[in-house]
PDB file of N, CA and C in Angstrom:
ATOM      1  N   MET A   1      54.053 106.091 108.105  1.00  0.00           N
ATOM      2  CA  MET A   1      55.394 105.827 107.451  1.00  0.00           C
ATOM      3  C   MET A   1      55.808 107.266 106.449  1.00  0.00           C
ATOM      4  N   ASN A   2      57.838 106.886 106.345  1.00  0.00           N
ATOM      5  CA  ASN A   2      58.300 107.941 106.771  1.00  0.00           C
ATOM      6  C   ASN A   2      58.184 108.529 104.912  1.00  0.00           C
ATOM      7  N   LEU A   3      57.449 109.433 103.812  1.00  0.00           N
ATOM      8  CA  LEU A   3      57.807 109.556 102.429  1.00  0.00           C
ATOM      9  C   LEU A   3      58.733 110.776 102.597  1.00  0.00           C
ATOM     10  N   SER A   4      59.392 110.895 103.260  1.00  0.00           N
ATOM     11  CA  SER A   4      60.142 112.320 103.047  1.00  0.00           C
ATOM     12  C   SER A   4      61.553 111.875 102.440  1.00  0.00           C
ATOM     13  N   ARG A   5      61.870 110.220 102.815  1.00  0.00           N
ATOM     14  CA  ARG A   5      63.628 109.811 101.503  1.00  0.00           C
ATOM     15  C   ARG A   5      62.625 109.225 100.793  1.00  0.00           C
ATOM     16  N   ARG A   6      63.939 109.510  99.663  1.00  0.00           N
ATOM     17  CA  ARG A   6      63.712 109.100  98.631  1.00  0.00           C
ATOM     18  C   ARG A   6      64.270 107.244  99.132  1.00  0.00           C
ATOM     19  N   PRO A   7      63.873 106.273  98.295  1.00  0.00           N
ATOM     20  CA  PRO A   7      64.722 104.883  98.735  1.00  0.00           C
ATOM     21  C   PRO A   7      65.905 104.281  97.995  1.00  0.00           C
ATOM     22  N   GLY A   8      67.017 103.873  98.374  1.00  0.00           N
ATOM     23  CA  GLY A   8      68.836 104.014  98.327  1.00  0.00           C
ATOM     24  C   GLY A   8      69.416 105.056  98.147  1.00  0.00           C
ATOM     25  N   ARG A   9      68.601 105.803  98.875  1.00  0.00           N
ATOM     26  CA  ARG A   9      69.880 107.664  99.219  1.00  0.00           C
ATOM     27  C   ARG A   9      69.886 107.369 100.587  1.00  0.00           C
ATOM     28  N   SER A  10      71.195 107.631 101.031  1.00  0.00           N
ATOM     29  CA  SER A  10      71.322 107.238 102.430  1.00  0.00           C
ATOM     30  C   SER A  10      71.926 108.621 103.024  1.00  0.00           C
ATOM     31  N   ARG A  11      71.577 108.977 104.563  1.00  0.00           N
ATOM     32  CA  ARG A  11      71.943 110.599 104.780  1.00  0.00           C
ATOM     33  C   ARG A  11      73.144 110.534 104.821  1.00  0.00           C
ATOM     34  N   ARG A  12      73.760 109.453 104.447  1.00  0.00           N
ATOM     35  CA  ARG A  12      75.640 110.130 105.463  1.00  0.00           C
ATOM     36  C   ARG A  12      76.248 110.816 104.371  1.00  0.00           C
ATOM     37  N   PRO A  13      76.693 112.036 104.863  1.00  0.00           N
ATOM     38  CA  PRO A  13      77.516 112.824 103.457  1.00  0.00           C
ATOM     39  C   PRO A  13      78.696 112.280 102.652  1.00  0.00           C
ATOM     40  N   ARG A  14      78.930 112.396 101.609  1.00  0.00           N
ATOM     41  CA  ARG A  14      80.529 111.672 101.108  1.00  0.00           C
ATOM     42  C   ARG A  14      81.418 112.242 101.231  1.00  0.00           C
ATOM     43  N   ARG A  15      82.350 110.630 101.333  1.00  0.00           N
ATOM     44  CA  ARG A  15      83.347 110.266 101.976  1.00  0.00           C
ATOM     45  C   ARG A  15      84.413 111.632 100.519  1.00  0.00           C
ATOM     46  N   LYS A  16      85.215 111.924 101.670  1.00  0.00           N
ATOM     47  CA  LYS A  16      86.326 112.911 100.603  1.00  0.00           C
ATOM     48  C   LYS A  16      87.215 111.781 100.263  1.00  0.00           C
ATOM     49  N   PRO A  17      87.343 112.541  98.937  1.00  0.00           N
ATOM     50  CA  PRO A  17      88.406 111.392  97.894  1.00  0.00           C
ATOM     51  C   PRO A  17      89.137 111.295  98.671  1.00  0.00           C
ATOM     52  N   PRO A  18      90.222 110.108  98.405  1.00  0.00           N
ATOM     53  CA  PRO A  18      91.259 109.705  99.196  1.00  0.00           C
ATOM     54  C   PRO A  18      93.009 111.011  98.941  1.00  0.00           C
ATOM     55  N   THR A  19      93.752 110.981  99.629  1.00  0.00           N
ATOM     56  CA  THR A  19      94.404 111.748  99.614  1.00  0.00           C
ATOM     57  C   THR A  19      96.039 110.500  98.670  1.00  0.00           C
ATOM     58  N   PRO A  20      96.292 111.032  98.022  1.00  0.00           N
ATOM     59  CA  PRO A  20      97.568 110.134  96.782  1.00  0.00           C
ATOM     60  C   PRO A  20      98.627 110.336  98.097  1.00  0.00           C
ATOM     61  N   PHE A  21      99.222 108.786  97.881  1.00  0.00           N
ATOM     62  CA  PHE A  21     100.149 108.334  98.891  1.00  0.00           C
ATOM     63  C   PHE A  21     101.658 109.404  98.664  1.00  0.00           C
ATOM     64  N   ARG A  22     102.365 110.080  99.543  1.00  0.00           N
ATOM     65  CA  ARG A  22     103.658 110.311  99.677  1.00  0.00           C
ATOM     66  C   ARG A  22     104.777 110.030  99.795  1.00  0.00           C
ATOM     67  N   GLN A  23     106.105 110.394  98.884  1.00  0.00           N
ATOM     68  CA  GLN A  23     107.009 109.929  98.520  1.00  0.00           C
ATOM     69  C   GLN A  23     107.478 110.561  99.705  1.00  0.00           C
ATOM     70  N   ARG A  24     108.678 110.077 100.735  1.00  0.00           N
ATOM     71  CA  ARG A  24     109.596 110.370 101.244  1.00  0.00           C
ATOM     72  C   ARG A  24     109.947 111.537 102.247  1.00  0.00           C
ATOM     73  N   GLY A  25     110.470 112.719 100.564  1.00  0.00           N
ATOM     74  CA  GLY A  25     109.748 113.779 100.478  1.00  0.00           C
ATOM     75  C   GLY A  25     108.834 114.826 100.451  1.00  0.00           C
ATOM     76  N   GLY A  26     107.325 113.928 100.786  1.00  0.00           N
ATOM     77  CA  GLY A  26     106.310 114.584 101.441  1.00  0.00           C
ATOM     78  C   GLY A  26     105.136 115.059  99.972  1.00  0.00           C
ATOM     79  N   LYS A  27     106.793 114.956  98.598  1.00  0.00           N
ATOM     80  CA  LYS A  27     105.696 115.001  97.528  1.00  0.00           C
ATOM     81  C   LYS A  27     104.608 114.146  96.973  1.00  0.00           C
ATOM     82  N   PRO A  28     103.334 114.349  96.731  1.00  0.00           N
ATOM     83  CA  PRO A  28     101.983 113.232  96.254  1.00  0.00           C
ATOM     84  C   PRO A  28     103.296 111.817  95.086  1.00  0.00           C
ATOM     85  N   VAL A  29     102.799 111.018  95.431  1.00  0.00           N
ATOM     86  CA  VAL A  29     103.039 110.477  94.260  1.00  0.00           C
ATOM     87  C   VAL A  29     101.535 110.042  93.206  1.00  0.00           C
ATOM     88  N   THR A  30     102.482 109.943  91.884  1.00  0.00           N
ATOM     89  CA  THR A  30     101.494 110.954  89.996  1.00  0.00           C
ATOM     90  C   THR A  30     101.669 109.464  88.961  1.00  0.00           C
ATOM     91  N   ASP A  31     101.356 108.982  88.238  1.00  0.00           N
ATOM     92  CA  ASP A  31     101.441 108.622  87.190  1.00  0.00           C
ATOM     93  C   ASP A  31     103.249 108.307  86.571  1.00  0.00           C
ATOM     94  N   ALA A  32     102.966 110.062  86.795  1.00  0.00           N
ATOM     95  CA  ALA A  32     104.728 109.924  86.548  1.00  0.00           C
ATOM     96  C   ALA A  32     105.596 109.681  86.641  1.00  0.00           C
ATOM     97  N   ASP A  33     105.537 109.721  88.144  1.00  0.00           N
ATOM     98  CA  ASP A  33     107.107 109.119  88.778  1.00  0.00           C
ATOM     99  C   ASP A  33     107.103 107.471  88.298  1.00  0.00           C
ATOM    100  N   SER A  34     105.591 106.864  88.437  1.00  0.00           N
ATOM    101  CA  SER A  34     106.521 104.874  87.754  1.00  0.00           C
ATOM    102  C   SER A  34     106.563 104.406  86.827  1.00  0.00           C
ATOM    103  N   PRO A  35     106.923 103.740  87.087  1.00  0.00           N
ATOM    104  CA  PRO A  35     108.049 104.184  85.685  1.00  0.00           C
ATOM    105  C   PRO A  35     106.754 103.400  83.962  1.00  0.00           C
ATOM    106  N   SER A  36     107.373 104.225  82.375  1.00  0.00           N
ATOM    107  CA  SER A  36     105.531 103.604  81.621  1.00  0.00           C
ATOM    108  C   SER A  36     106.450 101.775  81.775  1.00  0.00           C
ATOM    109  N   PRO A  37     104.681 101.570  81.347  1.00  0.00           N
ATOM    110  CA  PRO A  37     104.906 100.248  81.331  1.00  0.00           C
ATOM    111  C   PRO A  37     104.836  99.363  80.260  1.00  0.00           C
ATOM    112  N   ASP A  38     106.065 100.096  79.284  1.00  0.00           N
ATOM    113  CA  ASP A  38     106.993  99.349  78.451  1.00  0.00           C
ATOM    114  C   ASP A  38     108.122  98.723  78.511  1.00  0.00           C
ATOM    115  N   VAL A  39     109.149  99.576  79.548  1.00  0.00           N
ATOM    116  CA  VAL A  39     109.577  99.290  79.951  1.00  0.00           C
ATOM    117  C   VAL A  39     109.064  97.653  81.891  1.00  0.00           C
ATOM    118  N   ALA A  40     109.977  96.855  81.230  1.00  0.00           N
ATOM    119  CA  ALA A  40     109.443  95.237  81.347  1.00  0.00           C
ATOM    120  C   ALA A  40     110.523  95.095  82.257  1.00  0.00           C
ATOM    121  N   LYS A  41     110.531  95.155  84.051  1.00  0.00           N
ATOM    122  CA  LYS A  41     111.509  94.345  84.730  1.00  0.00           C
ATOM    123  C   LYS A  41     111.796  92.824  84.518  1.00  0.00           C
ATOM    124  N   THR A  42     113.162  92.779  84.025  1.00  0.00           N
ATOM    125  CA  THR A  42     112.869  91.268  83.672  1.00  0.00           C
ATOM    126  C   THR A  42     114.135  90.354  85.029  1.00  0.00           C
ATOM    127  N   GLY A  43     113.592  89.011  84.975  1.00  0.00           N
ATOM    128  CA  GLY A  43     113.925  88.584  85.895  1.00  0.00           C
ATOM    129  C   GLY A  43     115.250  87.218  85.715  1.00  0.00           C
ATOM    130  N   SER A  44     115.777  86.899  86.226  1.00  0.00           N
ATOM    131  CA  SER A  44     116.875  85.650  85.380  1.00  0.00           C
ATOM    132  C   SER A  44     115.960  84.049  85.600  1.00  0.00           C
ATOM    133  N   PRO A  45     116.492  83.948  84.333  1.00  0.00           N
ATOM    134  CA  PRO A  45     115.190  82.385  84.257  1.00  0.00           C
ATOM    135  C   PRO A  45     114.896  81.977  84.759  1.00  0.00           C
ATOM    136  N   VAL A  46     116.306  81.121  85.655  1.00  0.00           N
ATOM    137  CA  VAL A  46     116.911  80.203  86.327  1.00  0.00           C
ATOM    138  C   VAL A  46     115.100  80.636  87.403  1.00  0.00           C
ATOM    139  N   VAL A  47     115.658  81.774  88.651  1.00  0.00           N
ATOM    140  CA  VAL A  47     114.290  82.474  88.894  1.00  0.00           C
ATOM    141  C   VAL A  47     113.042  81.588  88.733  1.00  0.00           C
ATOM    142  N   MET A  48     113.209  81.986  87.468  1.00  0.00           N
ATOM    143  CA  MET A  48     111.275  82.163  87.070  1.00  0.00           C
ATOM    144  C   MET A  48     111.147  80.628  86.574  1.00  0.00           C
ATOM    145  N   VAL A  49     111.749  79.578  86.199  1.00  0.00           N
ATOM    146  CA  VAL A  49     111.708  78.180  86.185  1.00  0.00           C
ATOM    147  C   VAL A  49     111.404  77.595  87.816  1.00  0.00           C
ATOM    148  N   VAL A  50     112.356  78.088  88.616  1.00  0.00           N
ATOM    149  CA  VAL A  50     111.879  77.892  89.929  1.00  0.00           C
ATOM    150  C   VAL A  50     110.678  77.866  90.238  1.00  0.00           C
ATOM    151  N   ALA A  51     110.484  78.873  90.528  1.00  0.00           N
ATOM    152  CA  ALA A  51     109.394  79.754  91.006  1.00  0.00           C
ATOM    153  C   ALA A  51     107.804  79.223  90.008  1.00  0.00           C
ATOM    154  N   TRP A  52     108.240  78.807  88.625  1.00  0.00           N
ATOM    155  CA  TRP A  52     107.277  77.830  88.863  1.00  0.00           C
ATOM    156  C   TRP A  52     106.691  76.890  88.936  1.00  0.00           C
ATOM    157  N   LEU A  53     107.652  75.945  88.891  1.00  0.00           N
ATOM    158  CA  LEU A  53     107.740  74.980  89.380  1.00  0.00           C
ATOM    159  C   LEU A  53     107.682  74.842  91.367  1.00  0.00           C
ATOM    160  N   TRP A  54     108.370  75.967  92.041  1.00  0.00           N
ATOM    161  CA  TRP A  54     107.611  75.389  93.622  1.00  0.00           C
ATOM    162  C   TRP A  54     105.898  75.806  93.055  1.00  0.00           C
ATOM    163  N   VAL A  55     105.151  75.638  92.651  1.00  0.00           N
ATOM    164  CA  VAL A  55     103.858  76.184  92.599  1.00  0.00           C
ATOM    165  C   VAL A  55     102.976  75.298  91.521  1.00  0.00           C
ATOM    166  N   ALA A  56     103.665  75.074  90.603  1.00  0.00           N
ATOM    167  CA  ALA A  56     103.521  73.622  89.220  1.00  0.00           C
ATOM    168  C   ALA A  56     103.856  72.352  90.758  1.00  0.00           C
ATOM    169  N   VAL A  57     104.730  72.499  90.626  1.00  0.00           N
ATOM    170  CA  VAL A  57     105.127  70.392  91.054  1.00  0.00           C
ATOM    171  C   VAL A  57     103.688  70.125  92.230  1.00  0.00           C
ATOM    172  N   PRO A  58     103.619  70.686  93.407  1.00  0.00           N
ATOM    173  CA  PRO A  58     102.831  70.457  94.376  1.00  0.00           C
ATOM    174  C   PRO A  58     101.082  70.750  93.938  1.00  0.00           C
ATOM    175  N   PHE A  59     100.581  71.134  92.736  1.00  0.00           N
ATOM    176  CA  PHE A  59      99.359  71.311  92.647  1.00  0.00           C
ATOM    177  C   PHE A  59      98.836  70.339  91.168  1.00  0.00           C
ATOM    178  N   LEU A  60      99.660  69.531  90.343  1.00  0.00           N
ATOM    179  CA  LEU A  60      99.973  68.810  89.259  1.00  0.00           C
ATOM    180  C   LEU A  60      99.386  67.708  90.654  1.00  0.00           C
ATOM    181  N   TYR A  61     100.227  67.471  91.730  1.00  0.00           N
ATOM    182  CA  TYR A  61     100.546  66.321  92.323  1.00  0.00           C
ATOM    183  C   TYR A  61      99.127  66.206  93.205  1.00  0.00           C
ATOM    184  N   GLY A  62      98.277  67.696  93.212  1.00  0.00           N
ATOM    185  CA  GLY A  62      97.295  68.248  94.351  1.00  0.00           C
ATOM    186  C   GLY A  62      96.469  67.303  93.372  1.00  0.00           C
ATOM    187  N   LEU A  63      96.722  67.553  91.565  1.00  0.00           N
ATOM    188  CA  LEU A  63      95.589  67.307  90.965  1.00  0.00           C
ATOM    189  C   LEU A  63      95.027  65.670  90.867  1.00  0.00           C
ATOM    190  N   TYR A  64      96.883  65.118  90.868  1.00  0.00           N
ATOM    191  CA  TYR A  64      96.817  63.476  90.589  1.00  0.00           C
ATOM    192  C   TYR A  64      95.916  62.807  91.849  1.00  0.00           C
ATOM    193  N   GLN A  65      95.966  63.449  92.947  1.00  0.00           N
ATOM    194  CA  GLN A  65      95.279  62.788  94.429  1.00  0.00           C
ATOM    195  C   GLN A  65      94.205  62.713  93.829  1.00  0.00           C
ATOM    196  N   LEU A  66      94.094  64.077  93.604  1.00  0.00           N
ATOM    197  CA  LEU A  66      92.294  64.697  93.763  1.00  0.00           C
ATOM    198  C   LEU A  66      91.882  62.981  92.598  1.00  0.00           C
ATOM    199  N   ALA A  67      92.270  63.198  91.177  1.00  0.00           N
ATOM    200  CA  ALA A  67      91.866  61.837  90.114  1.00  0.00           C
ATOM    201  C   ALA A  67      91.637  60.621  90.726  1.00  0.00           C
ATOM    202  N   GLU A  68      92.872  60.512  91.184  1.00  0.00           N
ATOM    203  CA  GLU A  68      93.158  59.178  91.820  1.00  0.00           C
ATOM    204  C   GLU A  68      91.720  59.000  93.106  1.00  0.00           C
ATOM    205  N   LYS A  69      91.091  59.786  94.211  1.00  0.00           N
ATOM    206  CA  LYS A  69      90.454  59.541  95.236  1.00  0.00           C
ATOM    207  C   LYS A  69      89.339  59.626  95.048  1.00  0.00           C
ATOM    208  N   SER A  70      89.085  60.368  93.628  1.00  0.00           N
ATOM    209  CA  SER A  70      87.433  60.216  92.751  1.00  0.00           C
ATOM    210  C   SER A  70      87.487  59.016  92.085  1.00  0.00           C
ATOM    211  N   SER A  71      87.898  59.405  91.627  1.00  0.00           N
ATOM    212  CA  SER A  71      88.157  57.409  90.079  1.00  0.00           C
ATOM    213  C   SER A  71      87.226  56.304  91.481  1.00  0.00           C
ATOM    214  N   LYS A  72      87.635  56.003  92.667  1.00  0.00           N
ATOM    215  CA  LYS A  72      87.423  55.187  94.088  1.00  0.00           C
ATOM    216  C   LYS A  72      86.290  55.153  93.634  1.00  0.00           C
ATOM    217  N   LEU A  73      84.773  56.931  93.682  1.00  0.00           N
ATOM    218  CA  LEU A  73      84.384  56.836  94.257  1.00  0.00           C
ATOM    219  C   LEU A  73      82.571  56.506  92.534  1.00  0.00           C
ATOM    220  N   PHE A  74      83.723  56.125  91.822  1.00  0.00           N
ATOM    221  CA  PHE A  74      82.615  56.128  90.744  1.00  0.00           C
ATOM    222  C   PHE A  74      83.529  54.539  89.928  1.00  0.00           C
ATOM    223  N   GLU A  75      83.154  53.652  90.969  1.00  0.00           N
ATOM    224  CA  GLU A  75      84.176  52.016  90.924  1.00  0.00           C
ATOM    225  C   GLU A  75      82.655  51.684  91.341  1.00  0.00           C
TER     226      GLU A  75
END
């Protein structure tokens, strides 16, 4: 039995920290380059409604089908 190694420790060396992504000019991307969190991008309300309907209608139909078919199990 080898007692020289402590349990839970790996012999692999630690990885180097990741390098930041670079913009086209080769300049590293920093938090200062991103827009502030106070500035929210707003889209068209019509697009937002259509997007919600695109997801909600099939989801609700699936829930309806699930309730209909599962109710038959308990009859």
